[in-house]
Amino acid sequence: MSRRSAAEAHVLVVGSRPAGAATAIRLAHRGVRVTLAAREERGAPHGGESLPPAIVPLLSELGVLPDLLRGPHLPSYGNESAWGTEVVRMHSFMISPHGTGWHIDRGAFDDMLLGAAERAGANIVLGGAPGRAPTFVVDATGRGAHVARRQGVSRVHTDHMIAVVGVLRERPLAACARTSLVEAAEHGYWYSAPLPGDRLVCAYFTDPPLWNETRRKSADAFHTLLRNTRHVSARAAGHNSAWSLVVAPAGTSRLARLHGPGWLAVGDAAACRDPLSSGGIYEAIRSGIRAADAIASQHDGDAGAVQAYAADLEARFSRDLVRRRAVYLRERRFPDSPFWARRRTEARMFPHTPTTTHEKEDKPWP
């Protein structure tokens, strides 16, 4: 970016979680004046707390890999899954050129990125608006996509799945494998992974009507469903009871339009992938980096940079829909379940066309 364009540009990033923080870091590195409006508060436990090895080059691009390595995060040696069969299959990260993945403390991870944005020169505004009107706005407000929605852009949903998340404390002498685990169940599927601080996250993914049945509203119901699993329950046996449960949206969706005059969307604001992709945080950070480069290039005179960014995100989302369809069709053990019947029907109605992307990834699906 030229000195003149850097001086004239003022980008407002609304939202300070990984997508927004990554955008701000990269913009600051490119010499763009950037304000990061940090309006979210740290909330309930997240269902996706694991990062694939492919995150390593992205964090290196942002200059925060040494911060990650200092902890308190745990290495992840792979993904295990019982999907389409009761037998657990292992995808080892030890074959990855980037080394291990990571089981992260999400609060510490978000703080790490926000601190890096501030050190890079981003102006952090807590709970308020910047003093100077921006020349460009980045929507990093998550599923709410508040900036895009104010522009009249609707959201297109593939499904409305939810995650019921509990975090358990490890008992003395208990040990959990340093892998994530996915296990299909009658009315959804389970995810579990170790967390720093001797904790285990267990998340049950299902459809809202199935959870909202009277007998499934309480923590007792969560534990009953957990005990009915074969592999996740074995992990949870070495832990104490869950903290209060959190129910959060986990459906697959995207904005009908990813950018407009003077704005674009990143992370979950742009597109929410199925949790099975293990790609939520990865895609959030990647989109933030690519969005920042597109904004800087546009200020340098590349009129098609933002459109190219949006086309790349659309292609990656389309490709993930193809993978998602294939993965759900592999699970045929529950023929009478409305959860699985809905996804088999959806796969037939919306087969999705594969789309070519420019990068090879090693993010495994089950």
Protein backbone atom coordinates (compact mmCIF):
# COMPACT_ATOMS: atom_id res chain seq x y z
CA MET A 1 0.00 0.00 0.00
CA SER A 2 1.31 3.45 -0.88
CA ARG A 3 1.95 6.11 1.75
CA ARG A 4 -0.93 8.15 0.38
CA SER A 5 -3.49 5.36 0.40
CA ALA A 6 -2.43 4.21 3.86
CA ALA A 7 -2.91 7.74 5.17
CA GLU A 8 -6.34 8.07 3.60
CA ALA A 9 -7.67 4.66 4.57
CA HIS A 10 -9.39 4.13 7.90
CA VAL A 11 -10.91 0.69 8.34
CA LEU A 12 -13.34 -0.08 11.14
CA VAL A 13 -13.44 -3.74 12.17
CA VAL A 14 -16.59 -4.47 14.17
CA GLY A 15 -16.00 -7.53 16.34
CA SER A 16 -12.88 -8.65 18.17
CA ARG A 17 -12.93 -12.42 18.09
CA PRO A 18 -10.50 -14.35 15.86
CA ALA A 19 -11.79 -13.14 12.49
CA GLY A 20 -11.89 -9.50 13.53
CA ALA A 21 -8.57 -9.59 15.38
CA ALA A 22 -6.83 -11.30 12.45
CA THR A 23 -8.20 -8.67 10.07
CA ALA A 24 -6.95 -5.85 12.29
CA ILE A 25 -3.50 -7.37 12.71
CA ARG A 26 -3.03 -7.84 8.99
CA LEU A 27 -4.34 -4.37 8.13
CA ALA A 28 -1.97 -2.80 10.65
CA HIS A 29 0.91 -4.79 9.16
CA ARG A 30 -0.08 -3.46 5.72
CA GLY A 31 0.12 0.12 6.99
CA VAL A 32 -3.63 0.77 7.09
CA ARG A 33 -5.10 2.76 9.93
CA VAL A 34 -7.51 0.39 11.66
CA THR A 35 -9.91 0.66 14.58
CA LEU A 36 -11.14 -2.52 16.22
CA ALA A 37 -14.50 -2.18 17.97
CA ALA A 38 -14.44 -4.87 20.66
CA ARG A 39 -18.06 -5.21 21.65
CA GLU A 40 -18.32 -8.86 22.60
CA GLU A 41 -17.84 -10.09 26.13
CA ARG A 42 -16.22 -13.40 26.84
CA GLY A 43 -19.09 -15.80 27.13
CA ALA A 44 -19.93 -19.40 27.68
CA PRO A 45 -17.74 -22.34 26.71
CA HIS A 46 -17.34 -22.95 23.00
CA GLY A 47 -18.05 -26.29 21.36
CA GLY A 48 -15.10 -26.08 18.99
CA GLU A 49 -11.89 -25.71 20.95
CA SER A 50 -9.46 -27.55 18.68
CA LEU A 51 -7.30 -26.17 15.88
CA PRO A 52 -5.93 -28.25 12.98
CA PRO A 53 -2.22 -28.22 12.09
CA ALA A 54 -3.02 -26.00 9.09
CA ILE A 55 -3.49 -23.12 11.55
CA VAL A 56 0.29 -22.93 12.04
CA PRO A 57 1.19 -21.08 8.80
CA LEU A 58 -1.71 -18.66 9.34
CA LEU A 59 -0.55 -17.78 12.85
CA SER A 60 2.97 -17.42 11.49
CA GLU A 61 1.67 -14.92 8.92
CA LEU A 62 0.18 -12.90 11.78
CA GLY A 63 3.35 -13.18 13.87
CA VAL A 64 1.57 -14.79 16.84
CA LEU A 65 2.79 -18.38 16.62
CA PRO A 66 5.36 -17.85 19.43
CA ASP A 67 2.52 -16.58 21.63
CA LEU A 68 0.52 -19.75 20.95
CA LEU A 69 3.50 -21.95 21.80
CA ARG A 70 3.90 -20.25 25.17
CA GLY A 71 0.61 -21.74 26.26
CA PRO A 72 -1.53 -22.55 28.11
CA HIS A 73 -2.74 -24.55 25.11
CA LEU A 74 -2.34 -28.31 24.66
CA PRO A 75 -1.02 -30.11 21.57
CA SER A 76 -3.58 -32.15 19.64
CA TYR A 77 -2.34 -35.39 18.09
CA GLY A 78 -5.30 -36.06 15.84
CA ASN A 79 -9.03 -36.56 15.35
CA GLU A 80 -10.86 -39.75 16.28
CA SER A 81 -14.32 -40.58 14.98
CA ALA A 82 -16.96 -43.29 15.31
CA TRP A 83 -19.02 -42.42 12.26
CA GLY A 84 -20.94 -44.92 10.20
CA THR A 85 -19.56 -47.62 12.47
CA GLU A 86 -18.96 -48.25 16.16
CA VAL A 87 -15.25 -48.67 15.46
CA VAL A 88 -13.16 -45.59 16.23
CA ARG A 89 -10.97 -44.42 13.38
CA MET A 90 -7.98 -42.14 13.91
CA HIS A 91 -6.66 -39.36 11.69
CA SER A 92 -3.20 -38.66 13.05
CA PHE A 93 -1.73 -35.18 12.84
CA MET A 94 1.76 -36.65 13.06
CA ILE A 95 1.75 -36.97 9.26
CA SER A 96 1.10 -33.24 8.83
CA PRO A 97 4.02 -31.08 7.66
CA HIS A 98 2.89 -28.49 10.22
CA GLY A 99 3.13 -30.79 13.24
CA THR A 100 0.38 -31.13 15.80
CA GLY A 101 -2.90 -29.30 16.09
CA TRP A 102 -3.95 -27.55 19.30
CA HIS A 103 -6.58 -27.84 22.03
CA ILE A 104 -6.94 -24.23 23.07
CA ASP A 105 -8.14 -22.21 26.00
CA ARG A 106 -10.48 -20.05 23.95
CA GLY A 107 -10.41 -17.04 26.26
CA ALA A 108 -6.60 -17.00 26.33
CA PHE A 109 -6.48 -17.50 22.55
CA ASP A 110 -8.82 -14.58 21.87
CA ASP A 111 -6.87 -12.37 24.30
CA MET A 112 -3.65 -13.34 22.51
CA LEU A 113 -5.00 -12.15 19.15
CA LEU A 114 -6.48 -8.97 20.58
CA GLY A 115 -3.17 -8.12 22.27
CA ALA A 116 -1.34 -8.75 19.01
CA ALA A 117 -3.71 -6.39 17.19
CA GLU A 118 -3.01 -3.66 19.71
CA ARG A 119 0.76 -4.19 19.48
CA ALA A 120 0.54 -4.02 15.69
CA GLY A 121 -0.98 -0.55 15.97
CA ALA A 122 -4.73 -1.14 15.83
CA ASN A 123 -6.81 1.29 17.86
CA ILE A 124 -8.92 -0.82 20.24
CA VAL A 125 -12.27 0.72 21.15
CA LEU A 126 -14.24 -1.03 23.90
CA GLY A 127 -18.00 -0.69 23.67
CA GLY A 128 -18.01 2.49 21.62
CA ALA A 129 -17.69 3.98 18.16
CA PRO A 130 -14.50 5.41 16.62
CA GLY A 131 -14.10 9.17 16.52
CA ARG A 132 -13.33 9.31 12.80
CA ALA A 133 -15.71 8.04 10.13
CA PRO A 134 -14.19 4.95 8.47
CA THR A 135 -13.61 4.59 4.76
CA PHE A 136 -14.36 0.86 4.98
CA VAL A 137 -16.13 -1.42 7.49
CA VAL A 138 -15.44 -5.09 8.22
CA ASP A 139 -18.31 -7.12 9.66
CA ALA A 140 -16.77 -9.54 12.18
CA THR A 141 -19.84 -9.75 14.41
CA GLY A 142 -20.31 -13.52 14.12
CA ARG A 143 -23.57 -15.21 13.18
CA GLY A 144 -25.52 -12.03 13.87
CA ALA A 145 -23.74 -10.28 10.96
CA HIS A 146 -25.03 -6.97 12.30
CA VAL A 147 -23.28 -4.76 9.75
CA ALA A 148 -24.49 -6.80 6.78
CA ARG A 149 -28.00 -7.09 8.16
CA ARG A 150 -28.19 -3.30 8.44
CA GLN A 151 -27.38 -3.23 4.72
CA GLY A 152 -30.43 -5.41 4.09
CA VAL A 153 -28.45 -8.59 3.41
CA SER A 154 -30.24 -11.79 4.39
CA ARG A 155 -28.76 -15.05 5.67
CA VAL A 156 -29.19 -18.36 3.82
CA HIS A 157 -29.45 -21.39 6.12
CA THR A 158 -28.61 -24.97 5.22
CA ASP A 159 -29.78 -26.17 8.63
CA HIS A 160 -30.56 -24.86 12.12
CA MET A 161 -28.57 -27.31 14.21
CA ILE A 162 -27.71 -26.41 17.82
CA ALA A 163 -24.88 -27.36 20.16
CA VAL A 164 -25.51 -28.26 23.80
CA VAL A 165 -22.15 -27.71 25.47
CA GLY A 166 -20.87 -28.78 28.87
CA VAL A 167 -17.37 -28.51 30.36
CA LEU A 168 -16.26 -31.14 32.86
CA ARG A 169 -13.46 -31.08 35.42
CA GLU A 170 -10.94 -33.90 35.47
CA ARG A 171 -10.77 -36.07 38.56
CA PRO A 172 -7.36 -36.81 40.12
CA LEU A 173 -5.36 -39.41 38.20
CA ALA A 174 -7.79 -39.35 35.28
CA ALA A 175 -6.27 -38.87 31.86
CA CYS A 176 -7.82 -38.08 28.50
CA ALA A 177 -6.23 -38.72 25.12
CA ARG A 178 -4.94 -35.55 23.46
CA THR A 179 -7.25 -36.02 20.50
CA SER A 180 -10.68 -34.75 19.59
CA LEU A 181 -13.44 -37.36 19.29
CA VAL A 182 -16.64 -37.35 17.24
CA GLU A 183 -19.30 -39.99 17.79
CA ALA A 184 -22.59 -40.29 15.88
CA ALA A 185 -25.71 -40.92 17.99
CA GLU A 186 -29.37 -41.61 17.28
CA HIS A 187 -30.54 -38.00 17.18
CA GLY A 188 -27.31 -36.13 16.44
CA TYR A 189 -23.66 -36.50 17.23
CA TRP A 190 -21.15 -35.80 20.02
CA TYR A 191 -17.85 -33.98 20.07
CA SER A 192 -15.32 -34.04 22.89
CA ALA A 193 -11.83 -32.68 23.38
CA PRO A 194 -9.48 -31.99 26.29
CA LEU A 195 -8.98 -28.40 27.36
CA PRO A 196 -6.19 -26.76 29.36
CA GLY A 197 -6.76 -26.80 33.09
CA ASP A 198 -7.74 -30.47 33.37
CA ARG A 199 -11.06 -29.96 31.60
CA LEU A 200 -13.03 -31.80 28.96
CA VAL A 201 -15.53 -30.17 26.64
CA CYS A 202 -18.47 -32.31 25.53
CA ALA A 203 -20.87 -30.94 22.94
CA TYR A 204 -24.04 -32.59 21.68
CA PHE A 205 -25.16 -31.46 18.22
CA THR A 206 -28.81 -31.96 17.34
CA ASP A 207 -31.85 -30.18 15.91
CA PRO A 208 -33.84 -27.78 18.14
CA PRO A 209 -37.12 -29.77 18.14
CA LEU A 210 -35.27 -32.88 19.32
CA TRP A 211 -33.65 -31.04 22.23
CA ASN A 212 -36.74 -29.06 23.18
CA GLU A 213 -38.77 -32.12 23.97
CA THR A 214 -39.72 -31.90 27.65
CA ARG A 215 -37.50 -34.72 28.80
CA ARG A 216 -34.43 -33.18 27.18
CA LYS A 217 -34.28 -29.71 28.65
CA SER A 218 -32.23 -30.34 31.78
CA ALA A 219 -28.63 -31.12 32.66
CA ASP A 220 -29.83 -34.55 33.77
CA ALA A 221 -31.03 -35.21 30.23
CA PHE A 222 -27.64 -34.16 28.87
CA HIS A 223 -25.87 -36.62 31.14
CA THR A 224 -28.34 -39.37 30.28
CA LEU A 225 -27.67 -38.89 26.57
CA LEU A 226 -23.94 -38.75 27.27
CA ARG A 227 -24.06 -42.04 29.21
CA ASN A 228 -25.77 -43.67 26.24
CA THR A 229 -22.75 -43.05 24.04
CA ARG A 230 -20.03 -45.66 23.80
CA HIS A 231 -16.83 -43.70 23.35
CA VAL A 232 -17.51 -40.15 24.59
CA SER A 233 -18.95 -41.53 27.83
CA ALA A 234 -15.75 -43.50 28.41
CA ARG A 235 -13.80 -40.25 28.25
CA ALA A 236 -16.24 -38.41 30.48
CA ALA A 237 -16.10 -41.15 33.13
CA GLY A 238 -12.89 -39.69 34.49
CA HIS A 239 -14.41 -36.26 35.01
CA ASN A 240 -16.79 -34.54 37.40
CA SER A 241 -20.23 -33.23 36.49
CA ALA A 242 -20.63 -30.55 33.86
CA TRP A 243 -20.92 -26.90 34.63
CA SER A 244 -24.19 -25.29 33.62
CA LEU A 245 -25.01 -26.18 30.04
CA VAL A 246 -24.96 -23.70 27.19
CA VAL A 247 -27.18 -24.09 24.13
CA ALA A 248 -25.83 -22.26 21.09
CA PRO A 249 -26.63 -22.14 17.36
CA ALA A 250 -24.38 -24.41 15.31
CA GLY A 251 -26.10 -24.51 11.92
CA THR A 252 -24.53 -24.13 8.51
CA SER A 253 -25.32 -20.81 6.85
CA ARG A 254 -23.89 -17.91 4.87
CA LEU A 255 -24.73 -14.37 3.91
CA ALA A 256 -26.56 -14.02 0.62
CA ARG A 257 -23.97 -11.38 -0.26
CA LEU A 258 -20.50 -11.21 1.32
CA HIS A 259 -19.68 -7.59 0.49
CA GLY A 260 -21.11 -4.31 -0.67
CA PRO A 261 -20.08 -0.70 -1.17
CA GLY A 262 -17.65 0.11 1.65
CA TRP A 263 -17.99 -3.17 3.58
CA LEU A 264 -17.29 -6.89 3.61
CA ALA A 265 -17.85 -9.76 6.04
CA VAL A 266 -15.35 -12.15 7.61
CA GLY A 267 -15.51 -15.29 9.77
CA ASP A 268 -18.90 -16.51 10.93
CA ALA A 269 -20.50 -13.27 9.82
CA ALA A 270 -19.69 -14.34 6.26
CA ALA A 271 -20.24 -18.10 6.52
CA CYS A 272 -20.75 -20.66 9.29
CA ARG A 273 -19.55 -24.15 8.43
CA ASP A 274 -20.74 -27.42 9.86
CA PRO A 275 -18.79 -28.14 13.09
CA LEU A 276 -17.74 -31.47 11.58
CA SER A 277 -15.32 -29.58 9.32
CA SER A 278 -13.15 -28.64 12.33
CA GLY A 279 -12.65 -25.40 10.45
CA GLY A 280 -14.45 -22.63 12.33
CA ILE A 281 -11.49 -20.81 13.86
CA TYR A 282 -9.20 -21.75 10.98
CA GLU A 283 -11.57 -20.24 8.41
CA ALA A 284 -12.20 -17.19 10.61
CA ILE A 285 -8.50 -16.35 10.77
CA ARG A 286 -7.87 -17.17 7.13
CA SER A 287 -10.77 -14.99 6.00
CA GLY A 288 -9.51 -12.13 8.18
CA ILE A 289 -6.06 -12.26 6.60
CA ARG A 290 -7.42 -12.47 3.07
CA ALA A 291 -9.97 -9.72 3.69
CA ALA A 292 -7.27 -7.37 4.98
CA ASP A 293 -5.15 -8.03 1.91
CA ALA A 294 -8.15 -7.37 -0.34
CA ILE A 295 -8.97 -4.07 1.40
CA ALA A 296 -5.35 -2.91 1.20
CA SER A 297 -5.17 -3.89 -2.48
CA GLN A 298 -8.40 -2.04 -3.22
CA HIS A 299 -6.95 1.11 -1.68
CA ASP A 300 -3.93 0.57 -3.91
CA GLY A 301 -6.16 0.65 -6.98
CA ASP A 302 -7.10 -3.02 -7.50
CA ALA A 303 -10.83 -2.56 -8.10
CA GLY A 304 -11.50 -6.31 -8.18
CA ALA A 305 -9.71 -7.28 -4.97
CA VAL A 306 -12.77 -7.41 -2.72
CA GLN A 307 -14.79 -9.30 -5.33
CA ALA A 308 -11.97 -11.85 -5.63
CA TYR A 309 -11.96 -12.25 -1.85
CA ALA A 310 -15.72 -12.92 -1.85
CA ALA A 311 -15.42 -15.40 -4.73
CA ASP A 312 -12.74 -17.31 -2.82
CA LEU A 313 -14.95 -17.57 0.29
CA GLU A 314 -17.92 -18.67 -1.79
CA ALA A 315 -15.83 -21.38 -3.46
CA ARG A 316 -14.55 -22.68 -0.14
CA PHE A 317 -18.03 -22.72 1.37
CA SER A 318 -19.41 -24.55 -1.67
CA ARG A 319 -16.64 -27.13 -1.44
CA ASP A 320 -17.39 -27.68 2.26
CA LEU A 321 -21.08 -28.25 1.45
CA VAL A 322 -20.02 -31.03 -0.92
CA ARG A 323 -17.89 -32.62 1.80
CA ARG A 324 -20.66 -32.18 4.34
CA ARG A 325 -23.15 -33.98 2.10
CA ALA A 326 -20.81 -36.94 1.62
CA VAL A 327 -20.04 -37.20 5.34
CA TYR A 328 -23.69 -37.24 6.45
CA LEU A 329 -24.60 -39.82 3.82
CA ARG A 330 -21.97 -42.18 5.28
CA GLU A 331 -23.93 -42.54 8.55
CA ARG A 332 -26.76 -45.05 7.90
CA ARG A 333 -27.17 -46.75 11.29
CA PHE A 334 -30.22 -44.76 12.43
CA PRO A 335 -32.89 -45.18 9.72
CA ASP A 336 -35.78 -44.01 11.94
CA SER A 337 -34.07 -40.89 13.31
CA PRO A 338 -35.52 -37.55 12.12
CA PHE A 339 -32.06 -35.95 12.51
CA TRP A 340 -30.44 -38.30 9.99
CA ALA A 341 -33.51 -38.54 7.76
CA ARG A 342 -33.53 -34.76 7.43
CA ARG A 343 -29.90 -34.75 6.31
CA ARG A 344 -30.37 -37.58 3.84
CA THR A 345 -33.32 -35.71 2.32
CA GLU A 346 -31.36 -32.47 2.25
CA ALA A 347 -28.46 -34.20 0.49
CA ARG A 348 -30.80 -35.40 -2.26
CA MET A 349 -32.51 -32.02 -2.63
CA PHE A 350 -29.37 -29.89 -2.53
CA PRO A 351 -26.51 -31.97 -3.93
CA HIS A 352 -24.19 -28.94 -4.37
CA THR A 353 -21.67 -28.61 -7.15
CA PRO A 354 -17.97 -29.03 -6.28
CA THR A 355 -16.03 -25.80 -6.66
CA THR A 356 -12.29 -25.50 -7.23
CA THR A 357 -10.23 -23.61 -4.64
CA HIS A 358 -6.62 -22.50 -4.78
CA GLU A 359 -5.31 -24.05 -1.57
CA LYS A 360 -4.89 -27.61 -0.39
CA GLU A 361 -5.93 -28.20 3.21
CA ASP A 362 -5.37 -30.92 5.77
CA LYS A 363 -8.45 -30.25 7.89
CA PRO A 364 -10.08 -33.67 8.34
CA TRP A 365 -13.77 -34.46 8.42
CA PRO A 366 -14.88 -37.65 10.18
